Amino acid sequence: MIVRFGYVAMSVHLKNASPSQTMTVKQFEQIKDKEAAIRKLERIAVSNLENCYRLLKHNLAHDITFFRLSSKLVPLVNHPHTEGWKYEEAIAPILNEIGEFITKHQMRIGFHPDHFVVINNLDEDLLKRSIHTLIYHYKLLKGMNIDPMHRCVLHVGGAKNGVVEGLEEFIENFEKIPKAIQQMLILENDDTVYHIEDVLYLGEKLQIPVVLDIHHHDIHQPKTFSFLEVWDRVLETWKHSSLPVKIHVSSPKEDATDKRHHDYIDVERLMRFLTSIKGTVEQLDVMIEAKMKDEALIKLMKQLQTRHDCSVISGASIKLEGN
């Protein structure tokens, strides 16, 4: 079984390379000429994407071909102040260049929109804003000439009326979403409301791939379950995807019930999990959600080099021994 590691959005090694530079609403309003304010937003967006390109080149130098892009590449997108802004025209050249690089080097990229993107809320305005945000991510992927299918991770959302009602509200609203956006989504279990079996209920019913977050699962899980049965069900949700199965990995900052992410990854916890699923899939993509970003990945790879239960096959991937 091949395991490929990736990390999230920003590097602690690469200096002055933030892909999330922004402009506040107040700063926008202080520029009296709206066209001038829009042009400034476009310059920031292009700068963010240029930094994103630098990050991808940095990743390639370390054999990292799995990466989550920042959702903040275009500031104030879909804000009332920028209504009608054709931001995709301004960023088209750099987006196309990034897309060619990703395709050439066979990288896997994706997004994880912010928590305010909620599908299971019956408030029509909130759902509309969420769909607009997802369309923005869709446009970014299309601008890179990357197939948007299964590129956007979402949590199920809130549970104002209870978990069961929340699941049914998700199903109801999912039918209101354009087909192309439906196909872009993948779902993740959370650490508070929707455990892995809740998410699998939606994944199986709506044919959405499910991402297992093992930190969230350790903190919040069904009272009784068979992990191997759950894992088999997770794998089934990926059967119709062209992408390898993906999971999220992070470690608690302090004690085992701490929801906060540690700077680095607990290698023993990770290897116990990988050993338990060894041989169930040919390739597994593991997204590292650690505060130290690429440094957490690099440190993990150094730790894995000293082990006997796996072999390092690149700067960011291993092969589990025995299969």
Protein backbone atom coordinates (compact mmCIF):
# COMPACT_ATOMS: atom_id res chain seq x y z
CA MET A 1 0.00 0.00 0.00
CA ILE A 2 1.39 3.36 -1.06
CA VAL A 3 0.73 6.30 1.27
CA ARG A 4 1.20 9.82 -0.08
CA PHE A 5 1.32 12.80 2.29
CA GLY A 6 0.24 16.37 1.72
CA TYR A 7 -0.28 19.53 3.75
CA VAL A 8 -2.50 22.58 3.88
CA ALA A 9 -2.31 25.92 2.06
CA MET A 10 0.86 27.60 3.40
CA SER A 11 4.55 26.87 3.99
CA VAL A 12 6.61 27.71 7.07
CA HIS A 13 9.78 27.30 4.98
CA LEU A 14 8.96 29.55 2.05
CA LYS A 15 9.11 33.21 3.07
CA ASN A 16 6.80 35.98 1.85
CA ALA A 17 4.60 33.49 0.04
CA SER A 18 1.16 33.89 1.57
CA PRO A 19 -1.63 32.86 -0.82
CA SER A 20 -4.18 34.50 1.48
CA GLN A 21 -3.32 38.22 1.38
CA THR A 22 -6.49 40.25 1.67
CA MET A 23 -8.17 43.63 1.80
CA THR A 24 -10.68 44.44 4.52
CA VAL A 25 -14.11 45.84 3.75
CA LYS A 26 -13.04 49.07 5.48
CA GLN A 27 -9.96 49.38 3.29
CA PHE A 28 -12.10 48.78 0.20
CA GLU A 29 -14.57 51.48 1.27
CA GLN A 30 -11.75 53.98 1.86
CA ILE A 31 -10.88 53.87 -1.84
CA LYS A 32 -13.41 56.32 -3.28
CA ASP A 33 -13.06 55.12 -6.86
CA LYS A 34 -14.71 51.68 -6.94
CA GLU A 35 -12.94 50.70 -10.16
CA ALA A 36 -9.59 51.50 -8.53
CA ALA A 37 -10.58 49.41 -5.51
CA ILE A 38 -11.49 46.49 -7.78
CA ARG A 39 -8.17 46.77 -9.63
CA LYS A 40 -6.36 46.61 -6.29
CA LEU A 41 -8.31 43.48 -5.36
CA GLU A 42 -7.25 41.95 -8.67
CA ARG A 43 -3.59 42.75 -7.98
CA ILE A 44 -3.87 41.06 -4.58
CA ALA A 45 -5.55 38.02 -6.15
CA VAL A 46 -2.83 37.70 -8.79
CA SER A 47 -0.17 38.05 -6.07
CA ASN A 48 -1.86 35.30 -4.05
CA LEU A 49 -1.88 33.01 -7.06
CA GLU A 50 1.76 33.79 -7.87
CA ASN A 51 2.59 32.78 -4.29
CA CYS A 52 0.48 29.66 -4.74
CA TYR A 53 2.59 28.82 -7.80
CA ARG A 54 5.75 29.32 -5.73
CA LEU A 55 4.33 26.95 -3.10
CA LEU A 56 3.66 24.28 -5.71
CA LYS A 57 7.23 24.58 -7.04
CA HIS A 58 8.54 24.36 -3.47
CA ASN A 59 6.40 21.26 -2.95
CA LEU A 60 7.73 19.62 -6.09
CA ALA A 61 11.30 20.15 -4.85
CA HIS A 62 10.31 18.08 -1.78
CA ASP A 63 8.37 15.44 -3.80
CA ILE A 64 5.08 16.75 -2.36
CA THR A 65 2.39 16.18 -4.99
CA PHE A 66 -0.66 16.42 -2.73
CA PHE A 67 -1.73 19.88 -1.55
CA ARG A 68 -4.77 21.79 -0.33
CA LEU A 69 -5.07 25.22 -1.89
CA SER A 70 -6.13 28.24 0.13
CA SER A 71 -9.78 29.24 -0.30
CA LYS A 72 -8.76 32.88 0.20
CA LEU A 73 -6.99 33.32 -3.13
CA VAL A 74 -9.44 36.03 -4.26
CA PRO A 75 -10.24 38.58 -1.52
CA LEU A 76 -13.80 39.89 -0.98
CA VAL A 77 -15.15 37.51 -3.59
CA ASN A 78 -18.98 37.39 -3.54
CA HIS A 79 -19.13 40.36 -1.13
CA PRO A 80 -21.96 42.84 -1.85
CA HIS A 81 -19.33 45.53 -2.55
CA THR A 82 -17.92 43.45 -5.43
CA GLU A 83 -21.18 42.27 -6.97
CA GLY A 84 -20.79 41.75 -10.71
CA TRP A 85 -16.99 41.61 -10.52
CA LYS A 86 -15.59 39.30 -13.21
CA TYR A 87 -12.59 38.33 -11.10
CA GLU A 88 -11.99 35.19 -13.18
CA GLU A 89 -10.93 37.33 -16.17
CA ALA A 90 -8.15 39.06 -14.21
CA ILE A 91 -6.70 35.84 -12.84
CA ALA A 92 -7.14 33.67 -15.94
CA PRO A 93 -3.49 33.78 -17.16
CA ILE A 94 -1.90 32.81 -13.83
CA LEU A 95 -4.64 30.23 -13.12
CA ASN A 96 -3.94 28.59 -16.47
CA GLU A 97 -0.19 28.54 -15.77
CA ILE A 98 -0.74 26.94 -12.36
CA GLY A 99 -3.07 24.37 -13.89
CA GLU A 100 -0.49 23.38 -16.51
CA PHE A 101 2.11 22.90 -13.78
CA ILE A 102 -0.24 20.77 -11.66
CA THR A 103 -1.19 18.61 -14.63
CA LYS A 104 2.39 18.22 -15.85
CA HIS A 105 3.58 16.97 -12.46
CA GLN A 106 0.46 14.89 -11.74
CA MET A 107 -0.33 16.71 -8.52
CA ARG A 108 -3.53 16.27 -6.56
CA ILE A 109 -4.99 19.55 -5.34
CA GLY A 110 -8.26 20.41 -3.64
CA PHE A 111 -10.07 22.85 -1.39
CA HIS A 112 -11.73 22.90 2.02
CA PRO A 113 -14.07 25.94 2.10
CA ASP A 114 -14.57 27.75 5.39
CA HIS A 115 -17.06 26.61 8.03
CA PHE A 116 -19.65 29.20 6.95
CA VAL A 117 -20.31 27.14 3.81
CA VAL A 118 -23.29 25.18 5.13
CA ILE A 119 -25.55 22.98 3.03
CA ASN A 120 -27.94 21.73 5.72
CA ASN A 121 -29.35 25.10 6.77
CA LEU A 122 -32.89 25.81 5.60
CA ASP A 123 -32.22 29.56 5.55
CA GLU A 124 -32.44 30.31 1.82
CA ASP A 125 -30.05 33.29 1.98
CA LEU A 126 -27.38 31.27 3.79
CA LEU A 127 -27.76 28.40 1.31
CA LYS A 128 -27.50 30.85 -1.60
CA ARG A 129 -24.28 32.36 -0.18
CA SER A 130 -22.87 28.88 0.36
CA ILE A 131 -23.63 27.88 -3.22
CA HIS A 132 -22.01 31.10 -4.50
CA THR A 133 -18.86 30.25 -2.53
CA LEU A 134 -18.82 26.76 -3.99
CA ILE A 135 -19.24 28.20 -7.49
CA TYR A 136 -16.18 30.39 -6.82
CA HIS A 137 -14.16 27.25 -6.03
CA TYR A 138 -15.58 25.60 -9.15
CA LYS A 139 -14.44 28.54 -11.28
CA LEU A 140 -10.92 28.33 -9.82
CA LEU A 141 -10.69 24.64 -10.72
CA LYS A 142 -12.08 25.19 -14.21
CA GLY A 143 -9.63 28.07 -14.68
CA MET A 144 -6.83 25.60 -13.96
CA ASN A 145 -8.37 23.09 -16.40
CA ILE A 146 -8.68 20.60 -13.54
CA ASP A 147 -11.71 18.32 -13.33
CA PRO A 148 -13.69 19.72 -10.35
CA MET A 149 -15.13 16.32 -9.44
CA HIS A 150 -14.44 15.41 -5.78
CA ARG A 151 -12.17 18.38 -5.09
CA CYS A 152 -14.02 20.21 -2.28
CA VAL A 153 -14.25 18.91 1.30
CA LEU A 154 -17.23 20.01 3.41
CA HIS A 155 -18.52 19.27 6.88
CA VAL A 156 -22.19 18.33 7.09
CA GLY A 157 -23.01 21.56 8.96
CA GLY A 158 -25.00 22.46 12.05
CA ALA A 159 -27.69 20.58 13.94
CA LYS A 160 -30.04 23.26 15.20
CA ASN A 161 -32.96 20.82 15.11
CA GLY A 162 -30.95 17.71 15.99
CA VAL A 163 -28.60 15.37 14.11
CA VAL A 164 -31.30 13.36 12.29
CA GLU A 165 -33.07 16.51 11.14
CA GLY A 166 -29.72 18.01 10.11
CA LEU A 167 -28.98 15.01 7.90
CA GLU A 168 -32.39 15.23 6.24
CA GLU A 169 -31.98 18.98 5.70
CA PHE A 170 -28.66 18.28 3.97
CA ILE A 171 -30.39 15.84 1.61
CA GLU A 172 -33.19 18.33 0.93
CA ASN A 173 -30.80 21.18 0.11
CA PHE A 174 -28.37 18.98 -1.83
CA GLU A 175 -31.07 18.54 -4.46
CA LYS A 176 -31.18 22.33 -4.92
CA ILE A 177 -27.48 22.53 -5.82
CA PRO A 178 -26.37 22.54 -9.48
CA LYS A 179 -25.22 19.08 -10.61
CA ALA A 180 -21.67 20.24 -11.33
CA ILE A 181 -21.36 21.57 -7.76
CA GLN A 182 -22.85 18.38 -6.30
CA GLN A 183 -20.16 16.37 -8.07
CA MET A 184 -17.40 18.61 -6.68
CA LEU A 185 -18.15 17.74 -3.05
CA ILE A 186 -16.69 15.24 -0.61
CA LEU A 187 -17.78 14.98 3.04
CA GLU A 188 -15.81 14.79 6.30
CA ASN A 189 -16.80 13.69 9.80
CA ASP A 190 -16.46 16.41 12.47
CA ASP A 191 -15.41 16.40 16.12
CA THR A 192 -18.67 17.61 17.66
CA VAL A 193 -21.90 16.81 15.81
CA TYR A 194 -21.70 14.39 12.87
CA HIS A 195 -19.61 11.28 13.47
CA ILE A 196 -18.39 8.99 10.72
CA GLU A 197 -21.56 6.87 10.51
CA ASP A 198 -23.68 10.02 10.13
CA VAL A 199 -21.47 11.16 7.26
CA LEU A 200 -21.52 7.69 5.69
CA TYR A 201 -25.33 7.82 5.73
CA LEU A 202 -25.14 10.86 3.44
CA GLY A 203 -22.21 9.59 1.39
CA GLU A 204 -23.96 6.32 0.60
CA LYS A 205 -27.35 7.89 -0.05
CA LEU A 206 -26.09 10.74 -2.25
CA GLN A 207 -23.00 9.04 -3.76
CA ILE A 208 -20.54 11.47 -2.17
CA PRO A 209 -17.04 10.23 -1.25
CA VAL A 210 -16.31 10.35 2.49
CA VAL A 211 -13.06 11.58 4.04
CA LEU A 212 -12.27 9.99 7.39
CA ASP A 213 -10.64 12.47 9.78
CA ILE A 214 -8.99 10.20 12.34
CA HIS A 215 -8.47 12.97 14.94
CA HIS A 216 -12.15 13.89 14.75
CA HIS A 217 -13.04 10.20 14.89
CA ASP A 218 -10.95 9.65 18.04
CA ILE A 219 -12.83 12.48 19.76
CA HIS A 220 -16.34 11.93 18.40
CA GLN A 221 -17.53 8.50 17.28
CA PRO A 222 -20.55 6.18 17.45
CA LYS A 223 -21.08 4.42 20.80
CA THR A 224 -20.77 1.01 19.18
CA PHE A 225 -19.23 0.25 15.80
CA SER A 226 -16.81 -2.02 13.98
CA PHE A 227 -13.96 0.10 12.66
CA LEU A 228 -13.12 -2.27 9.80
CA GLU A 229 -16.78 -2.25 8.69
CA VAL A 230 -16.77 1.55 8.85
CA TRP A 231 -13.52 1.65 6.85
CA ASP A 232 -14.95 -0.71 4.22
CA ARG A 233 -17.94 1.61 3.87
CA VAL A 234 -15.63 4.63 3.50
CA LEU A 235 -13.77 2.83 0.69
CA GLU A 236 -17.06 2.01 -1.04
CA THR A 237 -17.92 5.72 -1.27
CA TRP A 238 -14.76 6.25 -3.37
CA LYS A 239 -15.51 3.46 -5.86
CA HIS A 240 -16.80 5.89 -8.50
CA SER A 241 -14.04 8.48 -8.04
CA SER A 242 -10.99 8.79 -10.28
CA LEU A 243 -8.99 10.02 -7.27
CA PRO A 244 -7.32 7.89 -4.57
CA VAL A 245 -9.05 7.55 -1.20
CA LYS A 246 -8.21 10.50 1.04
CA ILE A 247 -8.10 10.89 4.82
CA HIS A 248 -7.23 13.74 7.19
CA VAL A 249 -4.62 13.37 9.93
CA SER A 250 -3.88 15.66 12.85
CA SER A 251 -2.84 15.13 16.45
CA PRO A 252 -4.36 16.67 19.59
CA LYS A 253 -2.44 19.62 20.98
CA GLU A 254 -2.46 18.27 24.55
CA ASP A 255 -4.54 15.36 25.87
CA ALA A 256 -6.35 12.83 23.70
CA THR A 257 -9.66 14.72 23.82
CA ASP A 258 -8.17 18.07 22.75
CA LYS A 259 -9.81 19.24 19.53
CA ARG A 260 -6.99 21.68 18.79
CA HIS A 261 -4.33 20.64 16.29
CA HIS A 262 -0.76 19.98 17.38
CA ASP A 263 2.20 21.53 15.55
CA TYR A 264 3.29 18.07 14.41
CA ILE A 265 1.95 14.55 13.83
CA ASP A 266 2.04 11.71 16.35
CA VAL A 267 3.84 9.11 14.23
CA GLU A 268 2.87 6.19 16.49
CA ARG A 269 -0.86 7.00 16.27
CA LEU A 270 -0.61 7.41 12.51
CA MET A 271 1.22 4.10 12.00
CA ARG A 272 -1.23 2.20 14.21
CA PHE A 273 -4.01 3.41 11.94
CA LEU A 274 -2.14 2.68 8.71
CA THR A 275 -1.21 -0.80 9.92
CA SER A 276 -4.86 -1.52 10.76
CA ILE A 277 -5.96 -0.79 7.18
CA LYS A 278 -2.88 -2.12 5.37
CA GLY A 279 -3.76 -3.86 2.13
CA THR A 280 -7.32 -2.56 1.89
CA VAL A 281 -6.44 -0.03 -0.81
CA GLU A 282 -3.59 0.38 -3.29
CA GLN A 283 -2.97 4.07 -2.58
CA LEU A 284 -4.03 6.32 0.28
CA ASP A 285 -3.62 10.10 0.26
CA VAL A 286 -3.11 11.53 3.75
CA MET A 287 -3.71 15.24 4.28
CA ILE A 288 -1.70 16.50 7.26
CA GLU A 289 -3.56 19.19 9.21
CA ALA A 290 -0.80 20.41 11.52
CA LYS A 291 0.14 23.91 12.61
CA MET A 292 3.68 23.57 11.26
CA LYS A 293 2.42 22.84 7.73
CA ASP A 294 5.21 21.54 5.46
CA GLU A 295 7.66 21.28 8.36
CA ALA A 296 5.28 18.80 10.02
CA LEU A 297 5.35 16.70 6.85
CA ILE A 298 9.14 16.89 6.56
CA LYS A 299 9.61 15.94 10.22
CA LEU A 300 7.18 13.04 9.84
CA MET A 301 9.11 11.71 6.83
CA LYS A 302 12.36 11.81 8.84
CA GLN A 303 10.68 9.81 11.61
CA LEU A 304 9.31 7.28 9.12
CA GLN A 305 12.80 6.70 7.68
CA THR A 306 13.86 5.04 10.94
CA ARG A 307 10.98 2.56 11.07
CA HIS A 308 10.87 -1.08 9.97
CA ASP A 309 7.13 -1.28 9.20
CA CYS A 310 7.38 0.97 6.14
CA SER A 311 9.86 2.10 3.52
CA VAL A 312 10.27 5.65 2.27
CA ILE A 313 9.88 5.83 -1.51
CA SER A 314 10.00 9.62 -2.02
CA GLY A 315 10.24 12.81 -0.02
CA ALA A 316 6.54 12.61 0.76
CA SER A 317 5.42 9.00 0.36
CA ILE A 318 5.95 5.57 1.88
CA LYS A 319 5.15 1.94 1.17
CA LEU A 320 3.80 -0.15 3.98
CA GLU A 321 5.76 -3.37 4.30
CA GLY A 322 4.03 -6.73 3.99
CA ASN A 323 1.82 -6.11 0.96
